[in-house]
């Protein structure tokens, strides 16, 4: 067990950060999965709606510092390609 105050504080900070990152990681996967499921079901309306939500949430995660801007751009671009491939 830690004995220094700074180490004890670091343990608390790490626990808080780990919990926050776990939430964002799960949220990120579920957002992407919602779009992919809608695309696989060939449901254009649902895919577009899920993509709108995904786009907004992914860029919000960038502003929170969870993912980098390039990663977000790549994910959004690939999701957009998937949605656009659905026959109307």
C-alpha atoms as a PDB file:
ATOM      1  CA  UNK A   1       0.000   0.000   0.000  1.00  0.00           C
ATOM      2  CA  UNK A   2       1.162   3.527  -0.760  1.00  0.00           C
ATOM      3  CA  UNK A   3       2.532   5.664   2.054  1.00  0.00           C
ATOM      4  CA  UNK A   4       3.095   9.048   0.388  1.00  0.00           C
ATOM      5  CA  UNK A   5       0.251  11.508   0.011  1.00  0.00           C
ATOM      6  CA  UNK A   6       1.085  12.087  -3.652  1.00  0.00           C
ATOM      7  CA  UNK A   7       0.958   8.357  -4.362  1.00  0.00           C
ATOM      8  CA  UNK A   8      -2.366   7.992  -2.576  1.00  0.00           C
ATOM      9  CA  UNK A   9      -3.771  10.867  -4.626  1.00  0.00           C
ATOM     10  CA  UNK A  10      -2.420   9.314  -7.839  1.00  0.00           C
ATOM     11  CA  UNK A  11      -4.207   6.053  -7.027  1.00  0.00           C
ATOM     12  CA  UNK A  12      -7.470   7.963  -6.591  1.00  0.00           C
ATOM     13  CA  UNK A  13      -6.941   9.859  -9.857  1.00  0.00           C
ATOM     14  CA  UNK A  14      -6.125   6.681 -11.759  1.00  0.00           C
ATOM     15  CA  UNK A  15      -9.259   4.947 -10.463  1.00  0.00           C
ATOM     16  CA  UNK A  16     -11.427   7.887 -11.499  1.00  0.00           C
ATOM     17  CA  UNK A  17      -9.799   8.123 -14.934  1.00  0.00           C
ATOM     18  CA  UNK A  18     -10.087   4.368 -15.489  1.00  0.00           C
ATOM     19  CA  UNK A  19     -13.803   4.467 -14.703  1.00  0.00           C
ATOM     20  CA  UNK A  20     -14.345   7.409 -17.062  1.00  0.00           C
ATOM     21  CA  UNK A  21     -12.386   5.761 -19.875  1.00  0.00           C
ATOM     22  CA  UNK A  22     -14.312   2.503 -19.438  1.00  0.00           C
ATOM     23  CA  UNK A  23     -17.582   4.430 -19.842  1.00  0.00           C
ATOM     24  CA  UNK A  24     -16.386   6.205 -22.998  1.00  0.00           C
ATOM     25  CA  UNK A  25     -14.881   3.043 -24.505  1.00  0.00           C
ATOM     26  CA  UNK A  26     -18.156   1.138 -24.038  1.00  0.00           C
ATOM     27  CA  UNK A  27     -20.215   4.072 -25.330  1.00  0.00           C
ATOM     28  CA  UNK A  28     -17.943   4.387 -28.375  1.00  0.00           C
ATOM     29  CA  UNK A  29     -18.293   0.694 -29.268  1.00  0.00           C
ATOM     30  CA  UNK A  30     -22.075   0.750 -28.827  1.00  0.00           C
ATOM     31  CA  UNK A  31     -22.458   3.870 -30.996  1.00  0.00           C
ATOM     32  CA  UNK A  32     -20.448   2.320 -33.831  1.00  0.00           C
ATOM     33  CA  UNK A  33     -22.237  -1.008 -33.434  1.00  0.00           C
ATOM     34  CA  UNK A  34     -25.655   0.673 -33.766  1.00  0.00           C
ATOM     35  CA  UNK A  35     -24.676   2.026 -37.184  1.00  0.00           C
ATOM     36  CA  UNK A  36     -23.165  -1.284 -38.318  1.00  0.00           C
ATOM     37  CA  UNK A  37     -26.252  -3.265 -37.244  1.00  0.00           C
ATOM     38  CA  UNK A  38     -28.557  -0.867 -39.109  1.00  0.00           C
ATOM     39  CA  UNK A  39     -26.373  -1.116 -42.222  1.00  0.00           C
ATOM     40  CA  UNK A  40     -26.318  -4.921 -42.092  1.00  0.00           C
ATOM     41  CA  UNK A  41     -30.112  -4.910 -41.821  1.00  0.00           C
ATOM     42  CA  UNK A  42     -30.261  -2.727 -44.974  1.00  0.00           C
ATOM     43  CA  UNK A  43     -32.346  -0.165 -43.083  1.00  0.00           C
ATOM     44  CA  UNK A  44     -31.346   3.147 -44.685  1.00  0.00           C
ATOM     45  CA  UNK A  45     -33.446   5.369 -42.404  1.00  0.00           C
ATOM     46  CA  UNK A  46     -32.229   3.732 -39.200  1.00  0.00           C
ATOM     47  CA  UNK A  47     -28.633   3.763 -40.429  1.00  0.00           C
ATOM     48  CA  UNK A  48     -28.786   7.474 -41.240  1.00  0.00           C
ATOM     49  CA  UNK A  49     -30.322   8.253 -37.858  1.00  0.00           C
ATOM     50  CA  UNK A  50     -27.726   6.141 -36.037  1.00  0.00           C
ATOM     51  CA  UNK A  51     -24.984   7.813 -38.079  1.00  0.00           C
ATOM     52  CA  UNK A  52     -26.174  11.279 -37.056  1.00  0.00           C
ATOM     53  CA  UNK A  53     -25.977  10.268 -33.400  1.00  0.00           C
ATOM     54  CA  UNK A  54     -22.605   8.581 -33.918  1.00  0.00           C
ATOM     55  CA  UNK A  55     -21.112  11.588 -35.690  1.00  0.00           C
ATOM     56  CA  UNK A  56     -22.128  13.964 -32.920  1.00  0.00           C
ATOM     57  CA  UNK A  57     -21.057  11.686 -30.080  1.00  0.00           C
ATOM     58  CA  UNK A  58     -17.709  10.739 -31.638  1.00  0.00           C
ATOM     59  CA  UNK A  59     -16.779  14.388 -32.138  1.00  0.00           C
ATOM     60  CA  UNK A  60     -17.874  15.122 -28.582  1.00  0.00           C
ATOM     61  CA  UNK A  61     -15.431  12.436 -27.408  1.00  0.00           C
ATOM     62  CA  UNK A  62     -12.679  14.262 -29.287  1.00  0.00           C
ATOM     63  CA  UNK A  63     -13.420  17.451 -27.381  1.00  0.00           C
ATOM     64  CA  UNK A  64     -13.291  15.493 -24.108  1.00  0.00           C
ATOM     65  CA  UNK A  65      -9.885  14.102 -25.089  1.00  0.00           C
ATOM     66  CA  UNK A  66     -10.949  10.460 -25.192  1.00  0.00           C
ATOM     67  CA  UNK A  67      -9.917   9.917 -28.814  1.00  0.00           C
ATOM     68  CA  UNK A  68      -7.780  11.903 -31.239  1.00  0.00           C
ATOM     69  CA  UNK A  69      -9.189  13.990 -34.060  1.00  0.00           C
ATOM     70  CA  UNK A  70      -7.750  11.752 -36.782  1.00  0.00           C
ATOM     71  CA  UNK A  71      -9.210   8.620 -35.224  1.00  0.00           C
ATOM     72  CA  UNK A  72     -12.626  10.255 -35.065  1.00  0.00           C
ATOM     73  CA  UNK A  73     -12.385  11.435 -38.670  1.00  0.00           C
ATOM     74  CA  UNK A  74     -11.424   7.949 -39.843  1.00  0.00           C
ATOM     75  CA  UNK A  75     -14.275   6.259 -37.930  1.00  0.00           C
ATOM     76  CA  UNK A  76     -16.874   8.775 -39.114  1.00  0.00           C
ATOM     77  CA  UNK A  77     -15.637   8.515 -42.700  1.00  0.00           C
ATOM     78  CA  UNK A  78     -15.847   4.723 -42.717  1.00  0.00           C
ATOM     79  CA  UNK A  79     -19.291   4.736 -41.107  1.00  0.00           C
ATOM     80  CA  UNK A  80     -20.470   7.290 -43.673  1.00  0.00           C
ATOM     81  CA  UNK A  81     -19.220   5.060 -46.524  1.00  0.00           C
ATOM     82  CA  UNK A  82     -21.107   2.107 -45.060  1.00  0.00           C
ATOM     83  CA  UNK A  83     -24.340   4.120 -44.787  1.00  0.00           C
ATOM     84  CA  UNK A  84     -24.004   5.495 -48.317  1.00  0.00           C
ATOM     85  CA  UNK A  85     -23.557   2.003 -49.792  1.00  0.00           C
ATOM     86  CA  UNK A  86     -27.067   0.997 -48.730  1.00  0.00           C
ATOM     87  CA  UNK A  87     -29.412   0.930 -51.704  1.00  0.00           C
ATOM     88  CA  UNK A  88     -32.216   3.395 -51.142  1.00  0.00           C
END
